[in-house]
C-alpha cells in the first residue's frame, strides 16, 4: 500500500514557479520508485500573496501549511515590492511563516560536488572535500526580538532599533539540535558568537559550554563570527558542524555558498517540534532572470531531498534524489551559474528533463 503525504507547495515569486515545477516532477518520479503518493496543494506567499490578497502571508496559507506533512518553498521577493512598509514586504511573510510553524532550527548544508570544484572562485585545493552543516537559530535573535522599529527622538531625528536577545531555553533548544547533528556527522561542533563584545553572545557561549557535558562524543569549539567568516574562505575543511544565532547564521551560510560554486546548489531545512518542516533553497527569487528559463533548479531539487530525509523520514528516497543530482552533473549538464568551459549549457527546464532522464534510467535499469 502506497504511503501518502500531503505537501504544501509555495512557488512564491521570481524564478520560484520555474524551479518548483522541476522539483514536483522529480517527486513524482520518486513516488513511482518508492510507492509514495504525494498530494500537492499550492498556496500563496510573498509578493504573489501581496498582489492577490494584500498581505505577504494569508491566514489560509498558514492553515494549509499546518495541515501538511511538509512544506516546500521556492523563493519570495523582488524589486516590485521593495518600497512597501516592512510589515507588508514579502520577507515579512517568510518570517511569519517560520514563526507560525515554530521552526526554530535551520539546517543549511554546504557540500562541494566534485564536478563543480572548478566552478568555485576559490582554489580547488581549498574547496575539495568541503562538507559543512550550518545549524542556524531561526525564530529568535535580532530578526524577532523587541523593541524594533524606527522611532522619532526628542531631537526630531529618526532612530532605527533592532534588539538581539536570546533566552537560555532558546539557546539550549538549538544547541541540542546542533549537538545531535554533529553526532551524526563527524563529531565536531563549532559554536559561533561575538562573546567579546555582546552580552547575548556571552550567555550563548556559557549555555553551549554547559550543554557540551551531555555530549562527550562531540568536540565543541568556539569562534568569533568575524574570524569564522574569514576561516570559511581561508580553510573551510576545518569545519564540520557550525551552530550560531539567526543573524550570524544568515550571513555565514551565504558565505558558505561560494565554496560550492553557486548559491544555486544550496538547499535548507527549517524544523520545529510540532508542525511540519519547511524546505527551501538558500538562494532568492532572482527577479532579473525570472521567466527566462535560466534558473538553476538543483537547489530546489536538493531541498526536496532534504524534505524526504528530515520531514518525511524517507532516507532512501532522499539518497535517490541526491545521487540523481550527482549523476546529472556527471553528464556535464550545467546551468549558467555553474557553467565552465567544455560543459553543456542548459536552461531550467532542460536541466530538469536531464535529471528526470537520469532518475528514470535508475528505476528501469
Protein backbone atom coordinates (compact mmCIF):
# COMPACT_ATOMS: atom_id res chain seq x y z
CA UNK A 1 0.00 0.00 0.00
CA UNK A 2 1.40 3.39 -1.02
CA UNK A 3 2.49 5.80 1.68
CA UNK A 4 0.61 9.07 1.42
CA UNK A 5 1.91 12.56 2.16
CA UNK A 6 0.28 15.95 1.82
CA UNK A 7 2.79 18.54 0.59
CA UNK A 8 2.09 22.27 0.52
CA UNK A 9 3.86 23.97 -2.38
CA UNK A 10 4.77 27.66 -2.08
CA UNK A 11 6.17 28.69 -5.51
CA UNK A 12 6.33 32.34 -4.48
CA UNK A 13 7.95 34.91 -6.72
CA UNK A 14 10.55 35.41 -9.43
CA UNK A 15 12.10 32.13 -10.52
CA UNK A 16 10.10 30.29 -7.85
CA UNK A 17 7.42 28.78 -10.09
CA UNK A 18 10.06 27.62 -12.61
CA UNK A 19 12.22 25.74 -10.13
CA UNK A 20 9.23 24.41 -8.19
CA UNK A 21 7.91 22.78 -11.36
CA UNK A 22 11.14 20.81 -11.70
CA UNK A 23 11.08 19.69 -8.05
CA UNK A 24 7.48 18.47 -8.37
CA UNK A 25 8.39 16.44 -11.46
CA UNK A 26 11.26 14.88 -9.52
CA UNK A 27 8.99 14.00 -6.61
CA UNK A 28 6.57 12.31 -8.99
CA UNK A 29 9.41 10.05 -10.15
CA UNK A 30 10.30 9.39 -6.50
CA UNK A 31 6.69 8.37 -5.96
CA UNK A 32 6.93 5.76 -8.73
CA UNK A 33 10.20 4.41 -7.41
CA UNK A 34 9.26 4.13 -3.73
CA UNK A 35 5.48 3.66 -3.90
CA UNK A 36 4.74 7.07 -2.39
CA UNK A 37 1.58 9.02 -3.12
CA UNK A 38 2.17 12.77 -2.92
CA UNK A 39 -0.83 15.08 -2.67
CA UNK A 40 0.30 18.57 -3.70
CA UNK A 41 -1.55 21.76 -2.79
CA UNK A 42 -0.30 25.20 -3.85
CA UNK A 43 -0.67 28.28 -1.66
CA UNK A 44 0.31 31.95 -1.85
CA UNK A 45 3.19 33.65 -0.06
CA UNK A 46 5.38 36.68 -0.59
CA UNK A 47 4.81 39.09 -3.45
CA UNK A 48 2.32 36.82 -5.16
CA UNK A 49 0.23 36.83 -1.98
CA UNK A 50 0.51 40.60 -1.64
CA UNK A 51 -0.78 41.08 -5.19
CA UNK A 52 -3.68 38.70 -4.63
CA UNK A 53 -4.67 39.43 -1.02
CA UNK A 54 -2.77 42.50 0.18
CA UNK A 55 -0.71 40.58 2.75
CA UNK A 56 2.51 38.52 2.46
CA UNK A 57 1.22 35.51 4.44
CA UNK A 58 -2.53 34.97 4.18
CA UNK A 59 -4.15 33.11 7.06
CA UNK A 60 -5.32 30.46 4.60
CA UNK A 61 -1.70 29.74 3.60
CA UNK A 62 -0.57 29.23 7.18
CA UNK A 63 -3.52 26.95 7.87
CA UNK A 64 -2.80 24.92 4.74
CA UNK A 65 0.83 24.54 5.79
CA UNK A 66 -0.13 23.38 9.27
CA UNK A 67 -2.33 20.63 7.79
CA UNK A 68 0.55 19.33 5.67
CA UNK A 69 3.17 16.69 6.24
CA UNK A 70 5.80 19.05 4.84
CA UNK A 71 6.07 22.45 3.16
CA UNK A 72 8.21 23.05 0.06
CA UNK A 73 9.02 26.70 -0.64
CA UNK A 74 10.76 28.11 -3.72
CA UNK A 75 11.56 31.83 -3.38
CA UNK A 76 9.99 35.14 -2.41
CA UNK A 77 10.54 38.84 -3.04
CA UNK A 78 11.51 41.13 -5.85
CA UNK A 79 12.06 44.75 -6.82
CA UNK A 80 8.33 45.27 -7.32
CA UNK A 81 7.64 45.17 -3.58
CA UNK A 82 10.82 46.82 -2.24
CA UNK A 83 9.13 50.12 -1.34
CA UNK A 84 6.33 48.65 0.76
CA UNK A 85 6.35 49.11 4.57
CA UNK A 86 8.49 46.45 6.23
CA UNK A 87 5.49 44.55 7.70
CA UNK A 88 3.95 44.23 4.23
CA UNK A 89 7.04 43.19 2.29
CA UNK A 90 7.43 39.59 1.03
CA UNK A 91 10.15 38.84 3.57
CA UNK A 92 7.71 39.54 6.40
CA UNK A 93 5.62 36.66 5.10
CA UNK A 94 8.54 34.27 5.33
CA UNK A 95 9.42 35.36 8.87
CA UNK A 96 5.76 34.99 9.88
CA UNK A 97 5.62 31.51 8.34
CA UNK A 98 8.68 30.38 10.28
CA UNK A 99 7.26 31.80 13.50
CA UNK A 100 3.77 30.45 12.79
CA UNK A 101 5.11 26.93 12.33
CA UNK A 102 7.54 27.22 15.24
CA UNK A 103 10.52 26.44 13.03
CA UNK A 104 13.45 27.30 15.27
CA UNK A 105 16.22 25.19 13.67
CA UNK A 106 17.55 25.85 10.18
CA UNK A 107 19.91 23.27 8.65
CA UNK A 108 21.99 24.58 5.75
CA UNK A 109 24.48 22.14 4.22
CA UNK A 110 27.38 23.37 2.10
CA UNK A 111 28.85 20.35 0.35
CA UNK A 112 31.03 20.58 -2.74
CA UNK A 113 30.12 18.32 -5.64
CA UNK A 114 33.44 17.14 -7.11
CA UNK A 115 32.18 18.04 -10.59
CA UNK A 116 31.84 21.68 -9.52
CA UNK A 117 35.20 22.26 -7.88
CA UNK A 118 36.27 24.49 -10.77
CA UNK A 119 33.03 26.50 -10.53
CA UNK A 120 34.10 27.88 -7.16
CA UNK A 121 36.08 31.11 -7.15
CA UNK A 122 38.37 29.59 -4.52
CA UNK A 123 41.33 27.36 -5.31
CA UNK A 124 40.48 23.68 -5.88
CA UNK A 125 42.73 22.56 -3.04
CA UNK A 126 40.79 24.84 -0.66
CA UNK A 127 37.28 23.58 -1.51
CA UNK A 128 37.86 19.96 -2.46
CA UNK A 129 36.19 17.75 0.13
CA UNK A 130 34.26 20.56 1.86
CA UNK A 131 31.22 19.20 3.73
CA UNK A 132 29.76 21.66 6.27
CA UNK A 133 26.41 21.85 8.02
CA UNK A 134 25.37 25.24 9.39
CA UNK A 135 22.74 24.99 12.14
CA UNK A 136 21.10 28.42 12.41
CA UNK A 137 18.67 29.51 15.13
CA UNK A 138 15.67 30.77 13.20
CA UNK A 139 12.93 32.29 15.34
CA UNK A 140 14.83 34.43 17.85
CA UNK A 141 17.69 36.89 17.85
CA UNK A 142 17.79 40.22 16.11
CA UNK A 143 15.15 39.41 13.49
CA UNK A 144 12.41 38.79 16.06
CA UNK A 145 13.36 40.38 19.40
CA UNK A 146 11.70 43.60 20.56
CA UNK A 147 11.80 46.55 20.69
CA UNK A 148 12.26 47.04 16.98
CA UNK A 149 11.29 49.76 14.56
CA UNK A 150 12.08 53.32 13.50
CA UNK A 151 11.23 55.92 16.15
CA UNK A 152 11.35 59.69 16.44
CA UNK A 153 13.69 61.05 19.11
CA UNK A 154 13.32 64.18 21.25
CA UNK A 155 15.66 66.00 18.88
CA UNK A 156 13.46 65.19 15.89
CA UNK A 157 15.86 62.66 14.41
CA UNK A 158 14.70 59.20 13.46
CA UNK A 159 16.32 56.28 15.28
CA UNK A 160 16.29 52.72 14.00
CA UNK A 161 16.24 49.98 16.62
CA UNK A 162 16.68 46.22 16.46
CA UNK A 163 17.22 44.07 19.52
CA UNK A 164 19.36 40.94 19.70
CA UNK A 165 18.13 38.75 22.53
CA UNK A 166 18.12 35.05 23.43
CA UNK A 167 16.82 33.19 26.47
CA UNK A 168 18.62 30.22 27.97
CA UNK A 169 15.91 27.87 26.75
CA UNK A 170 16.15 29.16 23.16
CA UNK A 171 19.92 28.64 23.18
CA UNK A 172 19.65 25.18 24.70
CA UNK A 173 16.97 24.16 22.19
CA UNK A 174 19.07 25.00 19.13
CA UNK A 175 22.18 23.68 20.87
CA UNK A 176 20.66 20.22 21.23
CA UNK A 177 19.78 20.13 17.54
CA UNK A 178 23.36 21.11 16.70
CA UNK A 179 24.97 18.55 19.01
CA UNK A 180 22.70 15.80 17.69
CA UNK A 181 23.52 16.84 14.11
CA UNK A 182 27.27 16.83 14.81
CA UNK A 183 26.95 13.43 16.47
CA UNK A 184 25.52 12.03 13.24
CA UNK A 185 28.31 13.60 11.17
CA UNK A 186 31.99 13.77 12.16
CA UNK A 187 31.57 14.71 15.81
CA UNK A 188 32.88 18.29 15.65
CA UNK A 189 30.77 21.33 16.55
CA UNK A 190 31.90 24.95 16.31
CA UNK A 191 29.70 27.47 18.11
CA UNK A 192 29.98 30.93 16.56
CA UNK A 193 29.26 34.09 18.55
CA UNK A 194 30.61 37.56 19.37
CA UNK A 195 31.14 36.99 23.09
CA UNK A 196 33.98 39.52 23.31
CA UNK A 197 31.54 42.43 22.91
CA UNK A 198 27.94 41.14 23.13
CA UNK A 199 26.29 40.06 26.38
CA UNK A 200 23.81 37.93 24.45
CA UNK A 201 26.76 36.03 22.98
CA UNK A 202 28.30 35.61 26.41
CA UNK A 203 25.11 33.84 27.52
CA UNK A 204 25.14 31.84 24.27
CA UNK A 205 28.70 30.64 24.87
CA UNK A 206 28.01 29.80 28.51
CA UNK A 207 24.98 27.66 27.67
CA UNK A 208 26.70 25.88 24.78
CA UNK A 209 29.65 25.03 27.03
CA UNK A 210 27.40 23.61 29.75
CA UNK A 211 25.39 21.63 27.20
CA UNK A 212 28.59 20.03 25.86
CA UNK A 213 28.87 17.97 29.05
CA UNK A 214 25.87 15.94 27.83
CA UNK A 215 27.61 15.14 24.54
CA UNK A 216 31.10 13.83 25.43
CA UNK A 217 31.41 12.26 21.97
CA UNK A 218 31.18 15.69 20.28
CA UNK A 219 34.16 18.04 20.25
CA UNK A 220 32.96 21.59 20.94
CA UNK A 221 34.92 24.69 19.95
CA UNK A 222 34.06 28.40 19.94
CA UNK A 223 34.84 31.08 17.36
CA UNK A 224 34.03 34.75 16.98
CA UNK A 225 31.83 35.44 13.96
CA UNK A 226 34.32 37.72 12.18
CA UNK A 227 37.02 35.07 12.42
CA UNK A 228 34.56 32.37 11.34
CA UNK A 229 33.75 34.35 8.19
CA UNK A 230 37.44 34.59 7.38
CA UNK A 231 38.13 30.92 8.16
CA UNK A 232 35.26 29.78 5.92
CA UNK A 233 37.06 31.15 2.88
CA UNK A 234 40.61 30.53 4.14
CA UNK A 235 40.39 26.94 5.41
CA UNK A 236 36.79 25.66 5.24
CA UNK A 237 37.67 21.99 5.71
CA UNK A 238 38.38 22.64 9.40
CA UNK A 239 34.59 22.87 9.92
CA UNK A 240 32.12 20.02 10.29
CA UNK A 241 29.01 21.43 12.01
CA UNK A 242 28.54 25.11 12.89
CA UNK A 243 25.87 26.40 15.27
CA UNK A 244 25.06 30.08 15.59
CA UNK A 245 22.32 32.65 16.03
CA UNK A 246 19.88 33.99 13.48
CA UNK A 247 21.83 36.94 12.07
CA UNK A 248 25.24 35.27 12.10
CA UNK A 249 23.80 32.09 10.60
CA UNK A 250 22.17 34.03 7.79
CA UNK A 251 25.50 35.62 6.85
CA UNK A 252 27.77 32.60 7.34
CA UNK A 253 25.57 30.19 5.39
CA UNK A 254 25.57 32.60 2.45
CA UNK A 255 29.37 32.89 2.66
CA UNK A 256 29.49 29.10 2.54
CA UNK A 257 27.69 29.27 -0.81
CA UNK A 258 30.87 30.42 -2.54
CA UNK A 259 32.54 27.17 -1.52
CA UNK A 260 30.08 25.11 -3.55
CA UNK A 261 30.45 27.12 -6.75
CA UNK A 262 26.97 28.63 -6.68
CA UNK A 263 24.28 29.57 -4.22
CA UNK A 264 22.04 27.83 -6.76
CA UNK A 265 23.22 24.49 -5.34
CA UNK A 266 22.33 25.04 -1.67
CA UNK A 267 19.18 23.64 -0.03
CA UNK A 268 17.94 24.15 3.52
CA UNK A 269 15.59 22.63 6.06
CA UNK A 270 13.73 24.52 8.80
CA UNK A 271 12.48 22.30 11.61
CA UNK A 272 10.42 22.58 14.78
CA UNK A 273 8.88 20.12 17.19
CA UNK A 274 5.15 20.06 16.42
CA UNK A 275 4.38 21.45 12.96
CA UNK A 276 5.64 20.29 9.55
CA UNK A 277 9.06 21.39 8.40
CA UNK A 278 9.79 23.98 5.73
CA UNK A 279 12.26 23.14 2.96
CA UNK A 280 13.65 25.78 0.61
CA UNK A 281 16.72 26.73 -1.42
CA UNK A 282 19.06 29.24 0.16
CA UNK A 283 19.04 31.50 -2.90
CA UNK A 284 16.49 34.24 -3.55
CA UNK A 285 13.91 34.89 -6.24
CA UNK A 286 16.40 36.26 -8.83
CA UNK A 287 13.89 38.63 -10.47
CA UNK A 288 16.48 39.67 -13.06
CA UNK A 289 16.29 36.22 -14.72
CA UNK A 290 12.70 35.29 -13.86
CA UNK A 291 10.75 33.88 -16.79
CA UNK A 292 13.89 33.48 -18.93
CA UNK A 293 14.46 29.76 -18.32
CA UNK A 294 17.93 30.48 -16.89
CA UNK A 295 17.44 29.45 -13.27
CA UNK A 296 19.30 26.54 -11.66
CA UNK A 297 16.64 24.17 -10.24
CA UNK A 298 19.07 21.92 -8.39
CA UNK A 299 18.93 23.70 -5.02
CA UNK A 300 15.14 23.34 -5.14
CA UNK A 301 15.51 19.65 -6.00
CA UNK A 302 18.01 19.16 -3.19
CA UNK A 303 15.59 20.95 -0.84
CA UNK A 304 13.00 18.35 -1.85
CA UNK A 305 15.59 15.69 -0.95
CA UNK A 306 16.01 17.30 2.49
CA UNK A 307 12.22 17.24 2.80
CA UNK A 308 12.27 13.50 2.13
CA UNK A 309 15.09 12.92 4.62
CA UNK A 310 14.18 15.21 7.53
CA UNK A 311 10.48 15.90 7.03
CA UNK A 312 9.08 12.59 5.78
CA UNK A 313 11.72 10.21 7.17
CA UNK A 314 12.37 8.67 3.74
CA UNK A 315 16.20 8.49 3.68
CA UNK A 316 16.39 6.05 0.76
CA UNK A 317 14.25 8.35 -1.38
CA UNK A 318 16.47 11.28 -0.37
CA UNK A 319 19.59 9.33 -1.35
CA UNK A 320 17.96 8.51 -4.70
CA UNK A 321 17.40 12.21 -5.49
CA UNK A 322 20.84 13.31 -4.31
CA UNK A 323 22.53 10.60 -6.37
CA UNK A 324 20.47 11.73 -9.34
CA UNK A 325 21.86 15.25 -9.00
CA UNK A 326 25.37 13.81 -8.76
CA UNK A 327 24.85 11.74 -11.90
CA UNK A 328 23.31 14.52 -13.97
CA UNK A 329 26.34 16.66 -13.18
CA UNK A 330 28.49 13.75 -14.36
CA UNK A 331 26.89 14.18 -17.81
CA UNK A 332 28.42 17.70 -17.93
CA UNK A 333 24.97 19.32 -17.86
CA UNK A 334 25.21 22.83 -16.39
CA UNK A 335 23.05 25.89 -15.91
CA UNK A 336 24.68 29.29 -16.36
CA UNK A 337 25.61 29.83 -12.72
CA UNK A 338 27.75 26.66 -12.62
CA UNK A 339 28.92 26.74 -16.24
CA UNK A 340 32.57 26.12 -17.07
CA UNK A 341 34.44 25.50 -20.36
CA UNK A 342 33.58 22.24 -22.09
CA UNK A 343 30.25 21.79 -20.31
CA UNK A 344 26.74 21.71 -21.83
CA UNK A 345 24.74 24.85 -21.08
CA UNK A 346 21.11 24.06 -20.25
CA UNK A 347 18.16 26.13 -19.16
CA UNK A 348 15.99 25.40 -16.15
CA UNK A 349 13.53 23.15 -17.97
CA UNK A 350 16.23 21.27 -19.88
CA UNK A 351 18.19 20.65 -16.67
CA UNK A 352 15.01 19.31 -15.12
CA UNK A 353 14.43 16.98 -18.06
CA UNK A 354 18.03 15.76 -17.94
CA UNK A 355 17.65 14.97 -14.23
CA UNK A 356 14.36 13.14 -14.80
CA UNK A 357 16.02 11.02 -17.50
CA UNK A 358 18.79 10.07 -15.09
CA UNK A 359 16.32 9.17 -12.32
CA UNK A 360 14.03 7.17 -14.60
CA UNK A 361 17.02 5.30 -16.00
CA UNK A 362 17.80 4.24 -12.43
CA UNK A 363 14.25 2.93 -11.99
CA UNK A 364 14.20 0.85 -15.15
CA UNK A 365 17.84 -0.22 -15.29
